[in-house]
Amino acid sequence: MDDLGWLAAGDYTIAREILERGVALIYLIAFVSAANQFPALLGERGLLPAPRFLQTAYARRQPTLFRWRYSDRMLLAVAWTGAFLSLLIVAGVVQLAPTWVFLPVFLVVWFLYLSIVNVGQTFYGFGWESLLCEAGFTVAMLGALDTAPPVTIVFLLRWLVFRLEFGAGMIKMRGDRSWRDLTALYYHHETQPMPNPLSRTAHLLPKWWHRVEVLGNHFAQLVVPWLLFAPQPVASIAAAVVILTQLWLVATGNFAWLNVITIVLAFSAVDDAAFRFVFGGGGVGGIGADTVPGWYAVVVLVASILLVGLSWQPLRNLFAHRQLMNASFNRWHLVNAYGAFGTVTQERYEVIVDGTDDDPHDPDARWQEYAFKGKPGDVKRLPRQFAPYHLRLDWLMWFLALGSRDTEWFEMFLLRLLEADRPTLRLLRVDPFGGRPPRAVRARMFLYRFTTRAEKRASGARWMRVEIADLVPPVSLRG
């Protein structure tokens, strides 16, 4: 195996630390999110119960620990085990062990989360779930400190970033005309799924700036990804552009861990020399071994061949006329197709759910709103920053307002509110009935927009809203 020296990418040791710890940190957040939300959303009495889903032929073909049996207790055991192992990797403890220990531990983390994703149904139907699965499997192959980072894995991680960024760029160019005429950002900060504290400020910036934003997005997603494969220092500069554009998205929106994991993965193109340049070279050097052990070279090459082989369909998809967005081509969520916001909505609709203790048919009945943690409701409340934590119920409420046909979960959600189901109520910010079941609940559709600066000074409101229609008329469990 002495002739495999080319496999050692000894000048990417700092990047490896960032990649392994960064991806593990996102796994930690994802597992905690699952422990907090999965039982209420998908558990034994969830809105879309996993046990019922697992009775389908499709579910029984998925790789998951829950394939033959699900229980909320088992889900919590899986989530907290995954969180603990992820924390050990974040702390750098597992990296101190031999690679033959590190690799299985990281792959266990990957498979535990894959097990959750594959029974998560609509609530886990987001592109960044597949992205985290693919990133976890690939980053695991970087190895512990007793091996140099394998160069094939470094480039496969760049290929992942390329698909993520270029795929998003192509879906935009093929999608909404507003991306081509540079007007998409006239609307996006206001209509994105979950605004954050700076979204209104970003929306109120001048239109010329929004056009610059779109141009910058096209450059970062259609041109820069190709430069990730260029010689250094060009690749490091390209990675810096990706990181800076993603930081702007972090500052102006709540996109779960999509932006954060993109930033972490972009470091696969940053070599140790770039870190020495930025930090003046003082104490910045290689971390760990500078060779790849023979046995591990075999493992890495087999994994690399597998990932390259699985790349054919995603590669074709990038240039296909009918490009798929956020698609997995295998049950293991490896080498997926990515893309986001090919269409930008120009108006923001919100579903407001409220309940009453009075006769719901009485015109004078007092209705009180249920407040969600992330999605807009109270027009005076400043939107909060939750990303990289993922509020799954709030995100599906955005899709519901867009006219999603997948409403089974929402019908069950209203039933759980009528029952004052505690796990469901814990997903909300405010239960106006203090844990008591209301007499009736309803859902109404509103049109929201950010207030202008003058309107904000006059009213103190950050949003203006107008009721559009009843979505669900008052429903009750009582006769």
Protein backbone atom coordinates (compact mmCIF):
# COMPACT_ATOMS: atom_id res chain seq x y z
CA MET A 1 0.00 0.00 0.00
CA ASP A 2 3.04 2.31 -0.06
CA ASP A 3 2.02 3.51 -3.53
CA LEU A 4 -1.20 5.03 -2.13
CA GLY A 5 0.55 8.13 -0.75
CA TRP A 6 -1.48 10.19 -3.21
CA LEU A 7 -4.57 9.41 -1.11
CA ALA A 8 -3.39 11.52 1.83
CA ALA A 9 -4.63 15.13 1.80
CA GLY A 10 -2.35 16.22 4.63
CA ASP A 11 -3.01 19.90 3.97
CA TYR A 12 -6.72 19.65 4.92
CA THR A 13 -6.38 18.65 8.56
CA ILE A 14 -7.93 21.84 9.97
CA ALA A 15 -10.80 21.57 7.51
CA ARG A 16 -11.36 17.99 8.70
CA GLU A 17 -11.75 19.19 12.29
CA ILE A 18 -14.34 21.75 11.20
CA LEU A 19 -16.17 19.25 9.00
CA GLU A 20 -16.37 16.49 11.58
CA ARG A 21 -17.23 18.66 14.56
CA GLY A 22 -19.54 20.93 12.56
CA VAL A 23 -21.58 18.11 11.02
CA ALA A 24 -21.71 16.34 14.40
CA LEU A 25 -23.02 19.56 16.00
CA ILE A 26 -25.85 19.68 13.47
CA TYR A 27 -26.61 16.02 14.21
CA LEU A 28 -26.75 16.93 17.90
CA ILE A 29 -29.30 19.67 17.18
CA ALA A 30 -31.29 17.35 14.90
CA PHE A 31 -31.45 14.59 17.53
CA VAL A 32 -32.54 17.03 20.25
CA SER A 33 -35.19 18.35 17.85
CA ALA A 34 -36.40 14.80 17.27
CA ALA A 35 -36.59 14.08 20.99
CA ASN A 36 -38.58 17.27 21.57
CA GLN A 37 -40.96 17.08 18.60
CA PHE A 38 -41.17 13.58 17.12
CA PRO A 39 -43.48 11.96 19.72
CA ALA A 40 -46.10 14.70 19.34
CA LEU A 41 -45.84 14.88 15.56
CA LEU A 42 -45.21 11.27 14.60
CA GLY A 43 -45.32 9.17 17.74
CA GLU A 44 -47.84 6.60 18.89
CA ARG A 45 -50.49 9.34 19.27
CA GLY A 46 -48.88 11.74 16.84
CA LEU A 47 -50.46 13.73 14.05
CA LEU A 48 -49.10 11.19 11.52
CA PRO A 49 -48.38 8.11 13.68
CA ALA A 50 -45.22 6.28 12.69
CA PRO A 51 -46.64 2.85 13.75
CA ARG A 52 -49.42 3.21 11.17
CA PHE A 53 -46.94 4.33 8.50
CA LEU A 54 -44.72 1.34 9.24
CA GLN A 55 -47.56 -0.99 8.26
CA THR A 56 -47.25 0.11 4.62
CA ALA A 57 -45.15 -1.85 2.13
CA TYR A 58 -43.15 1.27 1.30
CA ALA A 59 -42.12 1.83 4.92
CA ARG A 60 -41.10 -1.79 5.39
CA ARG A 61 -38.56 -1.40 2.59
CA GLN A 62 -36.81 1.54 4.24
CA PRO A 63 -33.56 1.11 6.21
CA THR A 64 -34.57 2.03 9.74
CA LEU A 65 -34.28 0.63 13.24
CA PHE A 66 -38.06 1.01 13.51
CA ARG A 67 -38.72 -1.27 10.58
CA TRP A 68 -40.38 -4.00 12.65
CA ARG A 69 -41.43 -2.06 15.72
CA TYR A 70 -41.89 1.53 16.85
CA SER A 71 -42.49 2.98 20.30
CA ASP A 72 -42.04 6.47 21.66
CA ARG A 73 -39.65 5.08 24.26
CA MET A 74 -37.51 3.52 21.53
CA LEU A 75 -37.56 6.79 19.56
CA LEU A 76 -36.30 8.70 22.58
CA ALA A 77 -33.58 6.10 23.17
CA VAL A 78 -32.43 6.45 19.56
CA ALA A 79 -32.52 10.27 19.69
CA TRP A 80 -30.66 10.66 22.96
CA THR A 81 -28.09 7.99 22.03
CA GLY A 82 -27.44 9.83 18.78
CA ALA A 83 -27.21 13.14 20.63
CA PHE A 84 -24.68 11.73 23.11
CA LEU A 85 -22.44 10.23 20.41
CA SER A 86 -22.67 13.46 18.40
CA LEU A 87 -21.60 15.44 21.46
CA LEU A 88 -18.53 13.22 21.88
CA ILE A 89 -17.53 13.98 18.29
CA VAL A 90 -18.15 17.71 18.75
CA ALA A 91 -15.86 17.61 21.79
CA GLY A 92 -13.17 15.80 19.78
CA VAL A 93 -13.17 12.76 22.06
CA VAL A 94 -13.93 10.15 19.40
CA GLN A 95 -11.26 11.58 17.08
CA LEU A 96 -8.62 10.65 19.69
CA ALA A 97 -9.53 6.98 19.27
CA PRO A 98 -8.22 4.90 16.35
CA THR A 99 -10.05 5.29 13.05
CA TRP A 100 -11.40 1.76 13.39
CA VAL A 101 -13.34 3.12 16.40
CA PHE A 102 -14.14 6.59 15.00
CA LEU A 103 -15.63 5.34 11.72
CA PRO A 104 -18.21 2.96 13.24
CA VAL A 105 -19.22 5.57 15.84
CA PHE A 106 -19.86 8.22 13.18
CA LEU A 107 -21.70 5.70 11.00
CA VAL A 108 -23.88 4.76 13.98
CA VAL A 109 -24.80 8.44 14.35
CA TRP A 110 -25.62 8.53 10.63
CA PHE A 111 -27.77 5.40 10.75
CA LEU A 112 -29.63 6.45 13.89
CA TYR A 113 -30.69 9.66 12.21
CA LEU A 114 -31.44 7.89 8.92
CA SER A 115 -33.76 5.63 10.93
CA ILE A 116 -35.69 8.68 12.11
CA VAL A 117 -35.81 10.36 8.69
CA ASN A 118 -37.16 7.25 6.99
CA VAL A 119 -40.24 7.17 9.22
CA GLY A 120 -40.63 10.96 9.43
CA GLN A 121 -43.06 11.29 6.49
CA THR A 122 -44.13 14.87 5.70
CA PHE A 123 -42.51 16.31 8.80
CA TYR A 124 -39.11 15.08 7.57
CA GLY A 125 -39.68 15.74 3.89
CA PHE A 126 -37.14 18.56 3.68
CA GLY A 127 -34.03 18.63 1.52
CA TRP A 128 -31.75 19.32 4.46
CA GLU A 129 -32.71 15.98 6.04
CA SER A 130 -31.22 14.12 3.08
CA LEU A 131 -28.34 16.59 3.07
CA LEU A 132 -27.50 15.80 6.68
CA CYS A 133 -27.66 12.06 5.98
CA GLU A 134 -25.35 12.34 2.96
CA ALA A 135 -22.96 14.67 4.78
CA GLY A 136 -22.77 12.36 7.79
CA PHE A 137 -21.87 9.29 5.76
CA THR A 138 -19.27 11.15 3.70
CA VAL A 139 -17.64 13.07 6.56
CA ALA A 140 -17.34 9.82 8.54
CA MET A 141 -14.84 8.69 5.90
CA LEU A 142 -12.42 11.50 6.81
CA GLY A 143 -11.18 9.36 9.69
CA ALA A 144 -9.66 10.10 13.08
CA LEU A 145 -6.35 11.74 13.96
CA ASP A 146 -4.36 8.58 13.21
CA THR A 147 -4.95 9.02 9.48
CA ALA A 148 -4.62 11.87 7.04
CA PRO A 149 -7.85 13.10 5.45
CA PRO A 150 -8.36 11.05 2.26
CA VAL A 151 -8.22 13.28 -0.81
CA THR A 152 -11.08 11.45 -2.56
CA ILE A 153 -13.39 12.24 0.35
CA VAL A 154 -12.29 15.88 0.37
CA PHE A 155 -13.27 16.18 -3.29
CA LEU A 156 -16.51 14.24 -2.81
CA LEU A 157 -17.47 16.76 -0.14
CA ARG A 158 -16.79 19.54 -2.65
CA TRP A 159 -18.98 17.65 -5.11
CA LEU A 160 -21.71 17.71 -2.47
CA VAL A 161 -21.37 21.49 -2.09
CA PHE A 162 -21.38 21.83 -5.88
CA ARG A 163 -24.67 19.93 -6.19
CA LEU A 164 -26.15 21.87 -3.31
CA GLU A 165 -25.24 25.31 -4.69
CA PHE A 166 -25.33 24.75 -8.45
CA GLY A 167 -28.54 22.73 -8.13
CA ALA A 168 -30.16 25.64 -6.27
CA GLY A 169 -28.91 28.07 -8.89
CA MET A 170 -30.22 26.01 -11.80
CA ILE A 171 -33.63 25.46 -10.21
CA LYS A 172 -33.96 29.24 -9.86
CA MET A 173 -33.00 29.94 -13.46
CA ARG A 174 -35.47 27.30 -14.67
CA GLY A 175 -38.19 28.39 -12.27
CA ASP A 176 -39.67 31.72 -11.32
CA ARG A 177 -39.19 34.56 -13.80
CA SER A 178 -38.43 36.87 -10.87
CA TRP A 179 -35.00 35.22 -10.52
CA ARG A 180 -34.22 36.05 -14.14
CA ASP A 181 -35.48 39.64 -14.03
CA LEU A 182 -33.71 40.19 -10.67
CA THR A 183 -36.86 41.00 -8.69
CA ALA A 184 -37.09 37.83 -6.53
CA LEU A 185 -35.72 39.56 -3.44
CA TYR A 186 -38.40 42.24 -3.67
CA TYR A 187 -40.59 39.57 -2.04
CA HIS A 188 -38.51 36.76 -0.57
CA HIS A 189 -37.54 38.33 2.78
CA GLU A 190 -41.24 38.94 3.46
CA THR A 191 -42.69 35.69 2.14
CA GLN A 192 -40.01 33.18 3.22
CA PRO A 193 -41.27 30.34 5.43
CA MET A 194 -40.12 31.73 8.77
CA PRO A 195 -38.79 35.30 9.01
CA ASN A 196 -36.23 36.15 11.68
CA PRO A 197 -35.51 39.39 13.60
CA LEU A 198 -33.72 41.00 10.63
CA SER A 199 -36.05 39.87 7.84
CA ARG A 200 -38.18 43.02 7.94
CA THR A 201 -35.07 45.21 7.91
CA ALA A 202 -33.76 43.30 4.90
CA HIS A 203 -37.13 43.57 3.14
CA LEU A 204 -37.19 47.36 3.56
CA LEU A 205 -33.78 47.84 1.93
CA PRO A 206 -33.92 49.68 -1.44
CA LYS A 207 -34.89 47.76 -4.55
CA TRP A 208 -31.51 48.36 -6.16
CA TRP A 209 -29.96 46.44 -3.28
CA HIS A 210 -32.39 43.54 -3.76
CA ARG A 211 -31.32 43.35 -7.41
CA VAL A 212 -27.68 43.24 -6.28
CA GLU A 213 -28.64 40.43 -3.89
CA VAL A 214 -30.07 38.39 -6.76
CA LEU A 215 -27.03 39.02 -8.95
CA GLY A 216 -24.80 37.98 -6.05
CA ASN A 217 -26.87 34.84 -5.56
CA HIS A 218 -26.52 33.88 -9.23
CA PHE A 219 -22.76 34.43 -9.11
CA ALA A 220 -22.41 32.42 -5.88
CA GLN A 221 -24.55 29.52 -7.10
CA LEU A 222 -23.84 29.31 -10.83
CA VAL A 223 -20.20 30.42 -11.16
CA VAL A 224 -18.44 29.94 -7.83
CA PRO A 225 -19.23 26.21 -7.38
CA TRP A 226 -17.06 25.35 -10.39
CA LEU A 227 -14.11 27.08 -8.72
CA LEU A 228 -14.29 24.74 -5.73
CA PHE A 229 -12.38 22.22 -7.86
CA ALA A 230 -9.70 24.73 -8.95
CA PRO A 231 -6.12 24.69 -7.55
CA GLN A 232 -5.39 26.59 -4.36
CA PRO A 233 -5.80 29.37 -3.39
CA VAL A 234 -8.70 29.73 -5.86
CA ALA A 235 -10.67 26.90 -4.21
CA SER A 236 -10.30 28.51 -0.78
CA ILE A 237 -11.49 31.85 -2.16
CA ALA A 238 -14.49 30.16 -3.76
CA ALA A 239 -15.31 28.54 -0.41
CA ALA A 240 -15.08 31.95 1.27
CA VAL A 241 -17.65 33.33 -1.19
CA VAL A 242 -20.01 30.45 -0.43
CA ILE A 243 -19.55 30.97 3.30
CA LEU A 244 -20.16 34.74 3.12
CA THR A 245 -23.35 34.37 1.05
CA GLN A 246 -24.63 31.70 3.43
CA LEU A 247 -23.93 33.97 6.42
CA TRP A 248 -26.18 36.61 4.83
CA LEU A 249 -28.94 33.99 4.61
CA VAL A 250 -28.36 33.02 8.24
CA ALA A 251 -28.66 36.70 9.22
CA THR A 252 -31.96 37.24 7.38
CA GLY A 253 -33.91 33.98 7.71
CA ASN A 254 -34.72 30.75 9.54
CA PHE A 255 -33.88 27.85 7.22
CA ALA A 256 -33.24 25.19 9.87
CA TRP A 257 -29.65 23.95 9.41
CA LEU A 258 -29.49 24.33 5.60
CA ASN A 259 -27.23 27.39 5.65
CA VAL A 260 -25.11 26.28 8.59
CA ILE A 261 -24.32 22.86 7.12
CA THR A 262 -23.50 24.48 3.77
CA ILE A 263 -20.99 26.72 5.56
CA VAL A 264 -19.45 23.72 7.31
CA LEU A 265 -19.20 21.67 4.11
CA ALA A 266 -17.64 24.58 2.21
CA PHE A 267 -14.55 24.21 4.41
CA SER A 268 -13.72 21.07 2.41
CA ALA A 269 -12.18 23.47 -0.12
CA VAL A 270 -10.10 25.44 2.43
CA ASP A 271 -6.57 24.13 2.94
CA ASP A 272 -4.30 24.61 5.95
CA ALA A 273 -2.28 27.26 4.06
CA ALA A 274 -5.40 29.45 3.89
CA PHE A 275 -5.80 29.24 7.66
CA ARG A 276 -2.12 30.12 8.13
CA PHE A 277 -2.59 33.13 5.84
CA VAL A 278 -5.68 34.35 7.69
CA PHE A 279 -4.23 33.82 11.16
CA GLY A 280 -0.69 34.92 10.35
CA GLY A 281 0.80 31.45 10.56
CA GLY A 282 1.22 31.62 14.30
CA GLY A 283 0.69 28.15 15.72
CA VAL A 284 -1.43 27.06 12.78
CA GLY A 285 -0.25 23.74 11.46
CA GLY A 286 -1.34 20.26 10.49
CA ILE A 287 -3.44 18.22 12.91
CA GLY A 288 -2.98 14.46 13.08
CA ALA A 289 -1.18 11.97 10.84
CA ASP A 290 0.00 12.66 7.31
CA THR A 291 -0.53 9.16 5.87
CA VAL A 292 -3.52 6.87 5.28
CA PRO A 293 -3.18 3.34 6.74
CA GLY A 294 -3.41 0.57 4.15
CA TRP A 295 -6.56 -1.03 5.51
CA TYR A 296 -8.31 2.32 5.67
CA ALA A 297 -7.23 3.19 2.14
CA VAL A 298 -9.21 0.16 0.97
CA VAL A 299 -12.29 1.25 2.96
CA VAL A 300 -12.06 4.80 1.62
CA LEU A 301 -11.60 3.72 -1.99
CA VAL A 302 -14.60 1.37 -1.80
CA ALA A 303 -16.72 4.17 -0.28
CA SER A 304 -15.46 6.63 -2.89
CA ILE A 305 -16.30 4.29 -5.77
CA LEU A 306 -19.78 3.80 -4.28
CA LEU A 307 -20.40 7.56 -4.02
CA VAL A 308 -19.05 8.21 -7.51
CA GLY A 309 -21.27 5.46 -8.90
CA LEU A 310 -24.31 6.95 -7.18
CA SER A 311 -23.49 10.38 -8.66
CA TRP A 312 -24.71 9.58 -12.17
CA GLN A 313 -28.41 10.31 -11.59
CA PRO A 314 -27.82 13.54 -9.63
CA LEU A 315 -25.39 14.69 -12.34
CA ARG A 316 -27.96 14.07 -15.07
CA ASN A 317 -30.57 15.84 -12.95
CA LEU A 318 -28.48 19.05 -12.77
CA PHE A 319 -28.76 19.47 -16.51
CA ALA A 320 -32.18 17.89 -17.06
CA HIS A 321 -34.99 20.01 -18.52
CA ARG A 322 -37.30 18.85 -15.72
CA GLN A 323 -34.83 19.20 -12.87
CA LEU A 324 -35.89 17.50 -9.64
CA MET A 325 -35.52 19.52 -6.46
CA ASN A 326 -34.50 17.88 -3.17
CA ALA A 327 -34.77 14.32 -4.45
CA SER A 328 -33.19 11.12 -3.14
CA PHE A 329 -32.40 8.37 -5.63
CA ASN A 330 -31.88 5.63 -3.05
CA ARG A 331 -33.20 4.60 0.34
CA TRP A 332 -29.94 5.52 2.08
CA HIS A 333 -30.16 9.24 1.15
CA LEU A 334 -26.70 9.20 -0.42
CA VAL A 335 -25.72 11.53 -3.30
CA ASN A 336 -28.99 13.42 -3.58
CA ALA A 337 -30.33 16.22 -5.76
CA TYR A 338 -30.76 19.60 -4.07
CA GLY A 339 -32.33 22.96 -4.77
CA ALA A 340 -34.51 25.53 -3.06
CA PHE A 341 -36.91 28.37 -3.82
CA GLY A 342 -37.23 27.87 -7.55
CA THR A 343 -40.49 29.77 -7.10
CA VAL A 344 -40.82 32.87 -4.95
CA THR A 345 -44.28 33.70 -3.61
CA GLN A 346 -45.14 37.39 -3.88
CA GLU A 347 -47.77 37.47 -1.13
CA ARG A 348 -47.66 36.01 2.35
CA TYR A 349 -50.60 34.01 3.63
CA GLU A 350 -50.87 32.76 7.19
CA VAL A 351 -53.24 30.27 8.75
CA ILE A 352 -54.41 31.52 12.15
CA VAL A 353 -55.89 28.95 14.52
CA ASP A 354 -58.05 30.08 17.40
CA GLY A 355 -60.50 28.61 19.87
CA THR A 356 -63.40 29.63 22.07
CA ASP A 357 -65.16 28.59 25.26
CA ASP A 358 -68.37 30.20 24.02
CA ASP A 359 -71.01 29.01 21.59
CA PRO A 360 -69.03 29.05 18.31
CA HIS A 361 -72.16 30.11 16.40
CA ASP A 362 -72.71 33.18 18.58
CA PRO A 363 -71.51 36.32 16.71
CA ASP A 364 -70.30 37.68 20.05
CA ALA A 365 -68.23 34.60 20.91
CA ARG A 366 -64.74 35.44 22.20
CA TRP A 367 -62.08 33.73 20.07
CA GLN A 368 -58.48 33.43 21.28
CA GLU A 369 -55.48 32.67 19.06
CA TYR A 370 -53.04 29.83 19.56
CA ALA A 371 -49.54 31.29 19.22
CA PHE A 372 -46.83 29.34 17.38
CA LYS A 373 -43.18 29.58 18.32
CA GLY A 374 -41.79 30.66 14.97
CA LYS A 375 -44.42 31.43 12.38
CA PRO A 376 -45.99 34.93 12.30
CA GLY A 377 -49.13 35.50 14.32
CA ASP A 378 -49.18 38.50 16.66
CA VAL A 379 -48.55 41.51 14.38
CA LYS A 380 -46.49 43.30 17.05
CA ARG A 381 -44.23 40.40 17.97
CA LEU A 382 -40.64 40.47 16.72
CA PRO A 383 -39.89 37.23 14.82
CA ARG A 384 -37.38 35.10 16.68
CA GLN A 385 -34.22 33.31 15.53
CA PHE A 386 -34.57 29.54 15.76
CA ALA A 387 -32.30 28.17 13.04
CA PRO A 388 -30.42 25.87 13.00
CA TYR A 389 -33.12 24.33 15.22
CA HIS A 390 -36.01 23.12 13.07
CA LEU A 391 -39.60 23.95 14.07
CA ARG A 392 -41.33 21.32 11.95
CA LEU A 393 -44.94 22.18 12.75
CA ASP A 394 -44.38 25.87 11.97
CA TRP A 395 -42.81 25.03 8.61
CA LEU A 396 -45.75 22.84 7.60
CA MET A 397 -48.12 25.64 8.56
CA TRP A 398 -46.37 27.75 5.88
CA PHE A 399 -46.95 25.04 3.26
CA LEU A 400 -50.56 24.75 4.42
CA ALA A 401 -51.09 28.46 3.78
CA LEU A 402 -49.67 27.98 0.27
CA GLY A 403 -52.41 25.47 -0.48
CA SER A 404 -50.68 22.16 0.30
CA ARG A 405 -52.97 19.21 -0.38
CA ASP A 406 -51.37 17.25 2.45
CA THR A 407 -53.80 18.22 5.23
CA GLU A 408 -54.30 15.00 7.19
CA TRP A 409 -51.81 16.15 9.81
CA PHE A 410 -53.64 19.48 10.20
CA GLU A 411 -57.01 17.83 10.73
CA MET A 412 -55.44 15.74 13.48
CA PHE A 413 -53.77 18.86 14.89
CA LEU A 414 -57.17 20.54 15.33
CA LEU A 415 -58.47 17.38 17.03
CA ARG A 416 -55.51 17.39 19.44
CA LEU A 417 -56.25 21.05 20.29
CA LEU A 418 -59.86 20.14 21.07
CA GLU A 419 -58.54 17.38 23.34
CA ALA A 420 -55.99 19.77 24.93
CA ASP A 421 -53.34 17.14 24.20
CA ARG A 422 -50.30 18.12 26.26
CA PRO A 423 -47.53 16.95 23.87
CA THR A 424 -49.20 18.90 21.04
CA LEU A 425 -49.65 22.01 23.15
CA ARG A 426 -45.96 21.94 24.06
CA LEU A 427 -45.19 22.51 20.37
CA LEU A 428 -46.87 25.92 20.67
CA ARG A 429 -45.69 29.15 22.27
CA VAL A 430 -49.01 30.06 23.88
CA ASP A 431 -52.08 27.98 24.68
CA PRO A 432 -54.73 30.64 25.46
CA PHE A 433 -56.79 28.10 27.41
CA GLY A 434 -54.07 27.16 29.90
CA GLY A 435 -54.24 23.44 29.20
CA ARG A 436 -58.06 23.23 29.20
CA PRO A 437 -59.92 21.92 26.13
CA PRO A 438 -61.77 24.68 24.25
CA ARG A 439 -65.36 24.28 23.19
CA ALA A 440 -64.48 24.80 19.51
CA VAL A 441 -61.56 25.66 17.25
CA ARG A 442 -61.35 27.13 13.75
CA ALA A 443 -58.76 28.15 11.18
CA ARG A 444 -58.76 31.36 9.15
CA MET A 445 -56.60 32.59 6.30
CA PHE A 446 -54.93 36.01 6.51
CA LEU A 447 -52.84 38.06 4.12
CA TYR A 448 -49.73 39.40 5.89
CA ARG A 449 -47.19 42.02 4.87
CA PHE A 450 -44.40 43.84 6.67
CA THR A 451 -45.27 47.35 7.81
CA THR A 452 -43.46 50.32 6.37
CA ARG A 453 -41.26 52.39 8.64
CA ALA A 454 -44.01 54.99 8.97
CA GLU A 455 -46.63 52.35 9.82
CA LYS A 456 -44.31 50.85 12.40
CA ARG A 457 -43.79 54.22 14.10
CA ALA A 458 -47.51 54.89 14.15
CA SER A 459 -48.79 51.52 15.34
CA GLY A 460 -45.85 49.61 16.77
CA ALA A 461 -46.82 46.69 14.53
CA ARG A 462 -44.29 44.79 12.42
CA TRP A 463 -46.99 43.21 10.28
CA MET A 464 -50.25 44.34 8.70
CA ARG A 465 -52.81 41.61 8.19
CA VAL A 466 -56.19 41.27 6.50
CA GLU A 467 -58.55 38.34 6.89
CA ILE A 468 -59.15 36.60 3.57
CA ALA A 469 -61.36 33.60 4.24
CA ASP A 470 -62.32 30.80 6.59
CA LEU A 471 -60.12 27.76 6.06
CA VAL A 472 -61.86 25.48 8.57
CA PRO A 473 -65.19 26.55 10.07
CA PRO A 474 -65.69 26.09 13.80
CA VAL A 475 -65.43 22.44 14.82
CA SER A 476 -66.16 20.90 18.20
CA LEU A 477 -66.15 17.57 20.02
CA ARG A 478 -69.38 18.50 21.78
CA GLY A 479 -72.82 17.99 20.36
